Every structure is written in structure tokens, then in C-alpha cells.
Amino acid sequence: MDGVGDMQVSDLFWEVPLHELVQGYAYREEQGAYLCLACGESFEQGIVFPHDGVFYEASRFVQVHLAEAHGSMFEYLMGLDKKLTGLTDLQKRLLTLFHEGLSDNEIVKTMEGGSSSTIRNHRFALRERAKQAKVFLALMELADGRTAKPQRLITPHKTATMVDERYAVTEQERESVMKIYFKEGPDGPLSEIPRKEKRKLVVLRHLARQFSDNKKYTEKEVNEVLKKRHADFATLRRYLIEYGFMDREPNGSLYWIKQ
């Protein structure tokens, strides 16, 4: 079982078709593996995975992993930040109750207020929103298809603290920024810390890939990784936290890539 980089998971998360996002995993033929869309864990086809006295093929074990590590894809998606789901707290609670199979009257009792007609109105509004989202997706596909030279935007990482125009970076722009700030190549040193937000995000995204998923680092270990890229490792470490690429314990004892 191997993890793929957080940024790669982020791209895959947004690009898979709806049915794969719903099931929570995707098979990638080029890797010959099933990937968990929640954390990026990969399970190679052809390998048998033992678990609690039972042996599973990769296609089944990725489902076991999803259930044990993340509960369910519904729970994982509901746990995403509001900026990604666009859901209010009330809508999240209602969707959870709908998912549990409660009737309108049972939901009224659970919420200790409102009426069954109010709940029906909420159901209707959410279904209408789903229809609108479907039409919007179709329009975006058609709009992109008519563009002479479609420019693929870099997908923001799921843990971004705020998604705004700073993230409107094309693949071409990313490559240009990398050449400017990593003059000796992507594995070389960072010439300087960018001041412009877009450029800073490109650089931080690249630096975050130097850390493994599902692993915790001491502050010293983080510093050692960043020091190889730039002398001002403290600023880089702080930016990785501020921009949502990394998280840490309150006392700063351990750091990790946010999922």
C-alpha cells in the first residue's frame, strides 16, 4: 500500500467522474492500482491483502480501507470545508438525516422544531440545486470544448485556507514560475521566496510534495527538508501552515501534510 502525493490526490479528486467520487476510489490503469480518493492510498492490482484473517483482492480491499479509515465517502465529503461543499450547517444536518433514511416526521422530532412541510421544502430545494449543478457541469464542458486552446487550471489543494483568484493558475503559468524560482530544476534550490501570491502558492505546492502523506515530522525534520531549498526555512514552514498545506500540533512538536 503506497500513498501518492497530496497534490496528486487533489487533482484526481476533482477530475474523476461522479460515480467514482461517490464510491470513493478509482482504478488507474497506468498505475495498475486502485486509489482511495480520500487519502491517496493505493492498492496494486494482483496483490492479495490480508486483513483480520481474511485475504482480499485490491478491488475489494480498497473498499475495506475506505470504510475503516474514513467511515464512508458520505462522511468524508460531509467533513470537507464549506468552501468546497457550499453547504450551510443546516443543509449538512438535513443531508445527514436524509442519508440515515429518516422520514420527514422523524426529522422534525430529531430537530425538535419546524414541520414536515418545511422539511419537504428543504428536500425540494436541495434536489433543485442538484439539477442546477448538473446543468452547470454540462455548460462548463461545452464551454471548455469550444475554447481554441483550453488552458487547464491547476486544481487548488483540498485543504486550502481560502480559495480565490490567487488559485487561477494555468499549467503554463506554473511551469513558468517553476523555471523562475527553481533555476537548477525542480529538485534544486529555491532562488528566492516569491512575494506575489500566485507565485508563492505554486512554490509552496511544490515544496509540500517533498513530504510524505500519512507521516508525521518533527520540527527539526521539517526544517531539514526546507533548508535544502532555501536558507529561510522558518518562513517557508510558516507559509506551509498558513496556506493550508501542512498542519501541526499546538505545541509545534509534530507536523504533517493535511489531507
C-alpha atoms as a PDB file:
ATOM      1  CA  MET A   1       0.000   0.000   0.000  1.00  0.00           C
ATOM      2  CA  ASP A   2       1.563   3.223  -1.123  1.00  0.00           C
ATOM      3  CA  GLY A   3       0.358   6.779  -0.806  1.00  0.00           C
ATOM      4  CA  VAL A   4       0.545   9.277  -3.610  1.00  0.00           C
ATOM      5  CA  GLY A   5       1.279  12.944  -3.061  1.00  0.00           C
ATOM      6  CA  ASP A   6      -1.473  15.112  -1.574  1.00  0.00           C
ATOM      7  CA  MET A   7      -1.446  17.403  -4.564  1.00  0.00           C
ATOM      8  CA  GLN A   8      -1.841  14.445  -6.946  1.00  0.00           C
ATOM      9  CA  VAL A   9      -4.772  13.203  -4.892  1.00  0.00           C
ATOM     10  CA  SER A  10      -6.303  16.661  -5.068  1.00  0.00           C
ATOM     11  CA  ASP A  11      -6.133  16.672  -8.872  1.00  0.00           C
ATOM     12  CA  LEU A  12      -7.587  13.166  -9.117  1.00  0.00           C
ATOM     13  CA  PHE A  13     -10.318  14.004  -6.596  1.00  0.00           C
ATOM     14  CA  TRP A  14     -11.671  16.765  -8.835  1.00  0.00           C
ATOM     15  CA  GLU A  15     -11.164  15.052 -12.175  1.00  0.00           C
ATOM     16  CA  VAL A  16     -12.789  11.639 -11.636  1.00  0.00           C
ATOM     17  CA  PRO A  17     -16.338  11.088 -12.938  1.00  0.00           C
ATOM     18  CA  LEU A  18     -19.187  11.396 -10.462  1.00  0.00           C
ATOM     19  CA  HIS A  19     -19.728   7.664  -9.986  1.00  0.00           C
ATOM     20  CA  GLU A  20     -16.099   7.204  -8.884  1.00  0.00           C
ATOM     21  CA  LEU A  21     -16.318  10.150  -6.498  1.00  0.00           C
ATOM     22  CA  VAL A  22     -19.453   8.595  -4.991  1.00  0.00           C
ATOM     23  CA  GLN A  23     -17.798   5.196  -4.496  1.00  0.00           C
ATOM     24  CA  GLY A  24     -14.671   6.860  -3.082  1.00  0.00           C
ATOM     25  CA  TYR A  25     -11.990   5.133  -5.126  1.00  0.00           C
ATOM     26  CA  ALA A  26     -10.775   4.941  -8.696  1.00  0.00           C
ATOM     27  CA  TYR A  27      -8.830   2.425 -10.749  1.00  0.00           C
ATOM     28  CA  ARG A  28      -5.936   3.853 -12.717  1.00  0.00           C
ATOM     29  CA  GLU A  29      -4.733   1.568 -15.487  1.00  0.00           C
ATOM     30  CA  GLU A  30      -1.400   3.364 -15.918  1.00  0.00           C
ATOM     31  CA  GLN A  31      -0.554   2.517 -12.294  1.00  0.00           C
ATOM     32  CA  GLY A  32      -2.353  -0.802 -12.210  1.00  0.00           C
ATOM     33  CA  ALA A  33      -3.816   0.176  -8.852  1.00  0.00           C
ATOM     34  CA  TYR A  34      -6.943   1.297  -7.042  1.00  0.00           C
ATOM     35  CA  LEU A  35      -6.597   4.710  -5.377  1.00  0.00           C
ATOM     36  CA  CYS A  36      -8.530   5.926  -2.350  1.00  0.00           C
ATOM     37  CA  LEU A  37      -9.827   9.398  -3.237  1.00  0.00           C
ATOM     38  CA  ALA A  38      -9.949  10.413   0.414  1.00  0.00           C
ATOM     39  CA  CYS A  39      -6.290   9.915   1.309  1.00  0.00           C
ATOM     40  CA  GLY A  40      -4.464   8.707  -1.790  1.00  0.00           C
ATOM     41  CA  GLU A  41      -3.615   5.235  -0.501  1.00  0.00           C
ATOM     42  CA  SER A  42      -3.045   2.919  -3.455  1.00  0.00           C
ATOM     43  CA  PHE A  43      -3.673  -0.812  -3.734  1.00  0.00           C
ATOM     44  CA  GLU A  44      -1.917  -2.603  -6.570  1.00  0.00           C
ATOM     45  CA  GLN A  45      -3.930  -4.954  -8.728  1.00  0.00           C
ATOM     46  CA  GLY A  46      -2.769  -8.563  -8.468  1.00  0.00           C
ATOM     47  CA  ILE A  47      -1.626  -8.313  -4.854  1.00  0.00           C
ATOM     48  CA  VAL A  48      -3.582 -10.057  -2.092  1.00  0.00           C
ATOM     49  CA  PHE A  49      -4.119  -8.021   1.086  1.00  0.00           C
ATOM     50  CA  PRO A  50      -4.541  -9.879   4.411  1.00  0.00           C
ATOM     51  CA  HIS A  51      -6.795  -8.245   6.995  1.00  0.00           C
ATOM     52  CA  ASP A  52      -8.319  -9.704  10.173  1.00  0.00           C
ATOM     53  CA  GLY A  53      -7.767 -13.251   8.963  1.00  0.00           C
ATOM     54  CA  VAL A  54      -9.314 -12.611   5.546  1.00  0.00           C
ATOM     55  CA  PHE A  55      -7.493 -12.186   2.221  1.00  0.00           C
ATOM     56  CA  TYR A  56      -8.761  -9.535  -0.184  1.00  0.00           C
ATOM     57  CA  GLU A  57      -8.049  -8.612  -3.776  1.00  0.00           C
ATOM     58  CA  ALA A  58      -7.200  -4.955  -4.363  1.00  0.00           C
ATOM     59  CA  SER A  59     -10.651  -4.083  -5.744  1.00  0.00           C
ATOM     60  CA  ARG A  60     -12.304  -5.272  -2.527  1.00  0.00           C
ATOM     61  CA  PHE A  61      -9.650  -4.173  -0.077  1.00  0.00           C
ATOM     62  CA  VAL A  62      -9.823  -0.531  -1.168  1.00  0.00           C
ATOM     63  CA  GLN A  63     -13.475  -0.641  -0.043  1.00  0.00           C
ATOM     64  CA  VAL A  64     -12.470  -2.142   3.308  1.00  0.00           C
ATOM     65  CA  HIS A  65      -9.836   0.575   3.697  1.00  0.00           C
ATOM     66  CA  LEU A  66     -12.343   3.317   2.869  1.00  0.00           C
ATOM     67  CA  ALA A  67     -14.826   2.037   5.453  1.00  0.00           C
ATOM     68  CA  GLU A  68     -12.267   1.601   8.230  1.00  0.00           C
ATOM     69  CA  ALA A  69     -10.118   4.684   7.605  1.00  0.00           C
ATOM     70  CA  HIS A  70     -12.793   7.167   6.560  1.00  0.00           C
ATOM     71  CA  GLY A  71     -16.132   5.716   7.680  1.00  0.00           C
ATOM     72  CA  SER A  72     -17.782   6.217   4.312  1.00  0.00           C
ATOM     73  CA  MET A  73     -17.446   8.557   1.359  1.00  0.00           C
ATOM     74  CA  PHE A  74     -20.564  10.361   2.555  1.00  0.00           C
ATOM     75  CA  GLU A  75     -18.911  11.084   5.902  1.00  0.00           C
ATOM     76  CA  TYR A  76     -15.687  12.167   4.214  1.00  0.00           C
ATOM     77  CA  LEU A  77     -17.424  14.540   1.799  1.00  0.00           C
ATOM     78  CA  MET A  78     -19.580  15.985   4.572  1.00  0.00           C
ATOM     79  CA  GLY A  79     -16.408  16.683   6.525  1.00  0.00           C
ATOM     80  CA  LEU A  80     -14.956  18.868   3.772  1.00  0.00           C
ATOM     81  CA  ASP A  81     -14.788  22.592   4.341  1.00  0.00           C
ATOM     82  CA  LYS A  82     -17.810  24.744   3.493  1.00  0.00           C
ATOM     83  CA  LYS A  83     -15.837  26.477   0.736  1.00  0.00           C
ATOM     84  CA  LEU A  84     -15.739  23.140  -1.103  1.00  0.00           C
ATOM     85  CA  THR A  85     -19.266  21.855  -0.416  1.00  0.00           C
ATOM     86  CA  GLY A  86     -21.091  25.185  -0.373  1.00  0.00           C
ATOM     87  CA  LEU A  87     -23.414  23.731   2.283  1.00  0.00           C
ATOM     88  CA  THR A  88     -24.751  25.557   5.313  1.00  0.00           C
ATOM     89  CA  ASP A  89     -24.732  23.835   8.708  1.00  0.00           C
ATOM     90  CA  LEU A  90     -28.494  23.268   8.400  1.00  0.00           C
ATOM     91  CA  GLN A  91     -28.154  21.719   4.957  1.00  0.00           C
ATOM     92  CA  LYS A  92     -25.375  19.424   6.182  1.00  0.00           C
ATOM     93  CA  ARG A  93     -27.508  18.267   9.090  1.00  0.00           C
ATOM     94  CA  LEU A  94     -30.513  17.661   6.858  1.00  0.00           C
ATOM     95  CA  LEU A  95     -28.466  15.723   4.306  1.00  0.00           C
ATOM     96  CA  THR A  96     -27.086  13.569   7.116  1.00  0.00           C
ATOM     97  CA  LEU A  97     -30.598  12.792   8.338  1.00  0.00           C
ATOM     98  CA  PHE A  98     -31.758  12.084   4.774  1.00  0.00           C
ATOM     99  CA  HIS A  99     -28.786   9.735   4.380  1.00  0.00           C
ATOM    100  CA  GLU A 100     -29.831   7.917   7.550  1.00  0.00           C
ATOM    101  CA  GLY A 101     -33.208   7.241   5.942  1.00  0.00           C
ATOM    102  CA  LEU A 102     -35.348   9.232   8.370  1.00  0.00           C
ATOM    103  CA  SER A 103     -38.825  10.288   7.285  1.00  0.00           C
ATOM    104  CA  ASP A 104     -39.874  13.943   7.303  1.00  0.00           C
ATOM    105  CA  ASN A 105     -41.810  13.474  10.545  1.00  0.00           C
ATOM    106  CA  GLU A 106     -38.848  11.720  12.193  1.00  0.00           C
ATOM    107  CA  ILE A 107     -36.562  14.568  11.147  1.00  0.00           C
ATOM    108  CA  VAL A 108     -38.933  17.113  12.712  1.00  0.00           C
ATOM    109  CA  LYS A 109     -38.746  15.208  16.009  1.00  0.00           C
ATOM    110  CA  THR A 110     -34.966  14.888  15.806  1.00  0.00           C
ATOM    111  CA  MET A 111     -34.504  18.599  15.149  1.00  0.00           C
ATOM    112  CA  GLU A 112     -37.087  19.499  17.790  1.00  0.00           C
ATOM    113  CA  GLY A 113     -38.712  22.129  15.642  1.00  0.00           C
ATOM    114  CA  GLY A 114     -40.203  23.000  12.279  1.00  0.00           C
ATOM    115  CA  SER A 115     -42.782  20.969  10.420  1.00  0.00           C
ATOM    116  CA  SER A 116     -42.893  18.142   7.912  1.00  0.00           C
ATOM    117  CA  SER A 117     -43.828  20.632   5.170  1.00  0.00           C
ATOM    118  CA  THR A 118     -40.687  22.646   5.976  1.00  0.00           C
ATOM    119  CA  ILE A 119     -38.568  19.515   5.635  1.00  0.00           C
ATOM    120  CA  ARG A 120     -40.240  18.716   2.300  1.00  0.00           C
ATOM    121  CA  ASN A 121     -39.391  22.212   1.097  1.00  0.00           C
ATOM    122  CA  HIS A 122     -35.755  21.666   2.063  1.00  0.00           C
ATOM    123  CA  ARG A 123     -35.709  18.344   0.173  1.00  0.00           C
ATOM    124  CA  PHE A 124     -37.139  20.064  -2.890  1.00  0.00           C
ATOM    125  CA  ALA A 125     -34.629  22.939  -2.697  1.00  0.00           C
ATOM    126  CA  LEU A 126     -31.678  20.539  -2.440  1.00  0.00           C
ATOM    127  CA  ARG A 127     -32.922  18.478  -5.386  1.00  0.00           C
ATOM    128  CA  GLU A 128     -33.297  21.651  -7.448  1.00  0.00           C
ATOM    129  CA  ARG A 129     -29.761  22.601  -6.524  1.00  0.00           C
ATOM    130  CA  ALA A 130     -28.539  19.190  -7.710  1.00  0.00           C
ATOM    131  CA  LYS A 131     -30.288  19.738 -11.054  1.00  0.00           C
ATOM    132  CA  GLN A 132     -28.696  23.168 -11.411  1.00  0.00           C
ATOM    133  CA  ALA A 133     -25.275  21.702 -10.634  1.00  0.00           C
ATOM    134  CA  LYS A 134     -25.770  19.074 -13.344  1.00  0.00           C
ATOM    135  CA  VAL A 135     -26.683  21.707 -15.937  1.00  0.00           C
ATOM    136  CA  PHE A 136     -23.747  23.884 -14.872  1.00  0.00           C
ATOM    137  CA  LEU A 137     -21.313  20.977 -15.288  1.00  0.00           C
ATOM    138  CA  ALA A 138     -22.656  20.360 -18.784  1.00  0.00           C
ATOM    139  CA  LEU A 139     -22.293  24.049 -19.657  1.00  0.00           C
ATOM    140  CA  MET A 140     -18.691  24.099 -18.431  1.00  0.00           C
ATOM    141  CA  GLU A 141     -17.875  21.007 -20.505  1.00  0.00           C
ATOM    142  CA  LEU A 142     -19.373  22.655 -23.583  1.00  0.00           C
ATOM    143  CA  ALA A 143     -17.656  25.980 -22.921  1.00  0.00           C
ATOM    144  CA  ASP A 144     -14.260  24.334 -22.480  1.00  0.00           C
ATOM    145  CA  GLY A 145     -14.811  22.306 -25.619  1.00  0.00           C
ATOM    146  CA  ARG A 146     -15.270  25.453 -27.720  1.00  0.00           C
ATOM    147  CA  THR A 147     -12.101  27.098 -26.457  1.00  0.00           C
ATOM    148  CA  ALA A 148      -9.447  27.139 -29.172  1.00  0.00           C
ATOM    149  CA  LYS A 149      -6.630  26.386 -26.763  1.00  0.00           C
ATOM    150  CA  PRO A 150      -8.141  25.376 -23.431  1.00  0.00           C
ATOM    151  CA  GLN A 151      -5.840  26.292 -20.561  1.00  0.00           C
ATOM    152  CA  ARG A 152      -6.004  23.787 -17.759  1.00  0.00           C
ATOM    153  CA  LEU A 153      -6.108  25.443 -14.354  1.00  0.00           C
ATOM    154  CA  ILE A 154      -4.132  23.913 -11.522  1.00  0.00           C
ATOM    155  CA  THR A 155      -6.541  22.346  -9.028  1.00  0.00           C
ATOM    156  CA  PRO A 156      -6.414  24.003  -5.584  1.00  0.00           C
ATOM    157  CA  HIS A 157      -5.461  21.641  -2.764  1.00  0.00           C
ATOM    158  CA  LYS A 158      -8.491  20.496  -0.774  1.00  0.00           C
ATOM    159  CA  THR A 159      -7.108  21.940   2.452  1.00  0.00           C
ATOM    160  CA  ALA A 160      -6.571  25.467   1.121  1.00  0.00           C
ATOM    161  CA  THR A 161      -7.460  28.033   3.788  1.00  0.00           C
ATOM    162  CA  MET A 162      -9.175  30.245   1.202  1.00  0.00           C
ATOM    163  CA  VAL A 163      -9.842  29.630  -2.488  1.00  0.00           C
ATOM    164  CA  ASP A 164      -9.893  32.831  -4.550  1.00  0.00           C
ATOM    165  CA  GLU A 165      -8.352  34.375  -7.677  1.00  0.00           C
ATOM    166  CA  ARG A 166      -4.872  33.535  -6.378  1.00  0.00           C
ATOM    167  CA  TYR A 167      -5.542  29.939  -7.384  1.00  0.00           C
ATOM    168  CA  ALA A 168      -6.377  30.808 -11.005  1.00  0.00           C
ATOM    169  CA  VAL A 169      -3.055  29.467 -12.250  1.00  0.00           C
ATOM    170  CA  THR A 170      -2.723  27.627 -15.551  1.00  0.00           C
ATOM    171  CA  GLU A 171      -0.321  24.769 -16.149  1.00  0.00           C
ATOM    172  CA  GLN A 172       1.727  27.055 -18.394  1.00  0.00           C
ATOM    173  CA  GLU A 173       1.963  29.691 -15.658  1.00  0.00           C
ATOM    174  CA  ARG A 174       3.029  27.064 -13.150  1.00  0.00           C
ATOM    175  CA  GLU A 175       5.826  25.885 -15.426  1.00  0.00           C
ATOM    176  CA  SER A 176       6.981  29.475 -15.922  1.00  0.00           C
ATOM    177  CA  VAL A 177       7.065  30.139 -12.170  1.00  0.00           C
ATOM    178  CA  MET A 178       8.994  26.929 -11.546  1.00  0.00           C
ATOM    179  CA  LYS A 179      11.657  27.951 -14.076  1.00  0.00           C
ATOM    180  CA  ILE A 180      12.000  31.397 -12.476  1.00  0.00           C
ATOM    181  CA  TYR A 181      12.350  30.221  -8.875  1.00  0.00           C
ATOM    182  CA  PHE A 182      13.969  26.807  -9.362  1.00  0.00           C
ATOM    183  CA  LYS A 183      16.650  27.749 -11.858  1.00  0.00           C
ATOM    184  CA  GLU A 184      18.509  24.450 -11.410  1.00  0.00           C
ATOM    185  CA  GLY A 185      15.375  22.383 -11.900  1.00  0.00           C
ATOM    186  CA  PRO A 186      12.537  21.261  -9.589  1.00  0.00           C
ATOM    187  CA  ASP A 187      14.946  19.317  -7.371  1.00  0.00           C
ATOM    188  CA  GLY A 188      17.271  22.286  -6.968  1.00  0.00           C
ATOM    189  CA  PRO A 189      17.305  25.213  -4.520  1.00  0.00           C
ATOM    190  CA  LEU A 190      14.695  27.971  -4.374  1.00  0.00           C
ATOM    191  CA  SER A 191      16.318  31.181  -5.624  1.00  0.00           C
ATOM    192  CA  GLU A 192      14.046  33.416  -3.523  1.00  0.00           C
ATOM    193  CA  ILE A 193      10.685  33.332  -1.775  1.00  0.00           C
ATOM    194  CA  PRO A 194       8.091  34.907  -4.095  1.00  0.00           C
ATOM    195  CA  ARG A 195       6.183  37.965  -2.932  1.00  0.00           C
ATOM    196  CA  LYS A 196       3.296  37.634  -5.366  1.00  0.00           C
ATOM    197  CA  GLU A 197       0.579  35.352  -4.035  1.00  0.00           C
ATOM    198  CA  LYS A 198       0.081  33.244  -7.162  1.00  0.00           C
ATOM    199  CA  ARG A 199       3.777  32.534  -7.462  1.00  0.00           C
ATOM    200  CA  LYS A 200       4.048  31.825  -3.759  1.00  0.00           C
ATOM    201  CA  LEU A 201       1.278  29.217  -3.981  1.00  0.00           C
ATOM    202  CA  VAL A 202       2.987  27.469  -6.897  1.00  0.00           C
ATOM    203  CA  VAL A 203       6.242  27.283  -4.936  1.00  0.00           C
ATOM    204  CA  LEU A 204       4.557  26.119  -1.717  1.00  0.00           C
ATOM    205  CA  ARG A 205       2.616  23.470  -3.594  1.00  0.00           C
ATOM    206  CA  HIS A 206       5.877  22.116  -4.980  1.00  0.00           C
ATOM    207  CA  LEU A 207       7.606  22.197  -1.592  1.00  0.00           C
ATOM    208  CA  ALA A 208       4.699  20.381   0.057  1.00  0.00           C
ATOM    209  CA  ARG A 209       5.325  17.476  -2.300  1.00  0.00           C
ATOM    210  CA  GLN A 210       8.685  16.936  -0.638  1.00  0.00           C
ATOM    211  CA  PHE A 211       6.852  15.498   2.383  1.00  0.00           C
ATOM    212  CA  SER A 212       5.188  12.091   2.540  1.00  0.00           C
ATOM    213  CA  ASP A 213       1.493  11.656   3.231  1.00  0.00           C
ATOM    214  CA  ASN A 214       0.404   9.840   6.381  1.00  0.00           C
ATOM    215  CA  LYS A 215       3.709  10.618   8.083  1.00  0.00           C
ATOM    216  CA  LYS A 216       4.429  12.978  10.955  1.00  0.00           C
ATOM    217  CA  TYR A 217       7.595  15.037  11.137  1.00  0.00           C
ATOM    218  CA  THR A 218       9.336  16.779  13.992  1.00  0.00           C
ATOM    219  CA  GLU A 219      10.028  20.479  13.535  1.00  0.00           C
ATOM    220  CA  LYS A 220      13.693  19.646  13.063  1.00  0.00           C
ATOM    221  CA  GLU A 221      12.869  17.197  10.266  1.00  0.00           C
ATOM    222  CA  VAL A 222      10.676  19.776   8.529  1.00  0.00           C
ATOM    223  CA  ASN A 223      13.460  22.330   8.806  1.00  0.00           C
ATOM    224  CA  GLU A 224      15.974  19.902   7.320  1.00  0.00           C
ATOM    225  CA  VAL A 225      13.789  19.301   4.262  1.00  0.00           C
ATOM    226  CA  LEU A 226      13.143  23.006   3.694  1.00  0.00           C
ATOM    227  CA  LYS A 227      16.708  24.065   4.452  1.00  0.00           C
ATOM    228  CA  LYS A 228      17.845  22.159   1.371  1.00  0.00           C
ATOM    229  CA  ARG A 229      15.706  24.504  -0.720  1.00  0.00           C
ATOM    230  CA  HIS A 230      16.192  27.897   0.972  1.00  0.00           C
ATOM    231  CA  ALA A 231      18.017  29.338   3.978  1.00  0.00           C
ATOM    232  CA  ASP A 232      14.850  30.964   5.355  1.00  0.00           C
ATOM    233  CA  PHE A 233      13.235  27.642   6.235  1.00  0.00           C
ATOM    234  CA  ALA A 234      11.273  29.189   9.112  1.00  0.00           C
ATOM    235  CA  THR A 235       9.302  31.436   6.746  1.00  0.00           C
ATOM    236  CA  LEU A 236       8.633  28.557   4.364  1.00  0.00           C
ATOM    237  CA  ARG A 237       7.450  26.388   7.258  1.00  0.00           C
ATOM    238  CA  ARG A 238       5.120  29.150   8.440  1.00  0.00           C
ATOM    239  CA  TYR A 239       3.706  29.658   4.941  1.00  0.00           C
ATOM    240  CA  LEU A 240       3.031  25.933   4.535  1.00  0.00           C
ATOM    241  CA  ILE A 241       0.894  26.137   7.678  1.00  0.00           C
ATOM    242  CA  GLU A 242      -0.808  29.437   6.818  1.00  0.00           C
ATOM    243  CA  TYR A 243      -1.801  28.350   3.319  1.00  0.00           C
ATOM    244  CA  GLY A 244      -3.211  25.008   4.453  1.00  0.00           C
ATOM    245  CA  PHE A 245      -0.593  22.663   3.028  1.00  0.00           C
ATOM    246  CA  MET A 246       0.567  21.444   6.452  1.00  0.00           C
ATOM    247  CA  ASP A 247      -0.785  21.208   9.973  1.00  0.00           C
ATOM    248  CA  ARG A 248       0.912  20.774  13.323  1.00  0.00           C
ATOM    249  CA  GLU A 249       0.368  20.004  16.978  1.00  0.00           C
ATOM    250  CA  PRO A 250      -0.471  23.071  19.124  1.00  0.00           C
ATOM    251  CA  ASN A 251       2.966  22.876  20.750  1.00  0.00           C
ATOM    252  CA  GLY A 252       4.705  22.536  17.378  1.00  0.00           C
ATOM    253  CA  SER A 253       6.120  19.117  18.233  1.00  0.00           C
ATOM    254  CA  LEU A 254       4.818  17.357  15.119  1.00  0.00           C
ATOM    255  CA  TYR A 255       3.963  18.422  11.569  1.00  0.00           C
ATOM    256  CA  TRP A 256       2.149  16.628   8.746  1.00  0.00           C
ATOM    257  CA  ILE A 257       0.682  17.168   5.286  1.00  0.00           C
ATOM    258  CA  LYS A 258      -3.016  17.981   5.535  1.00  0.00           C
ATOM    259  CA  GLN A 259      -5.385  15.582   3.783  1.00  0.00           C
END
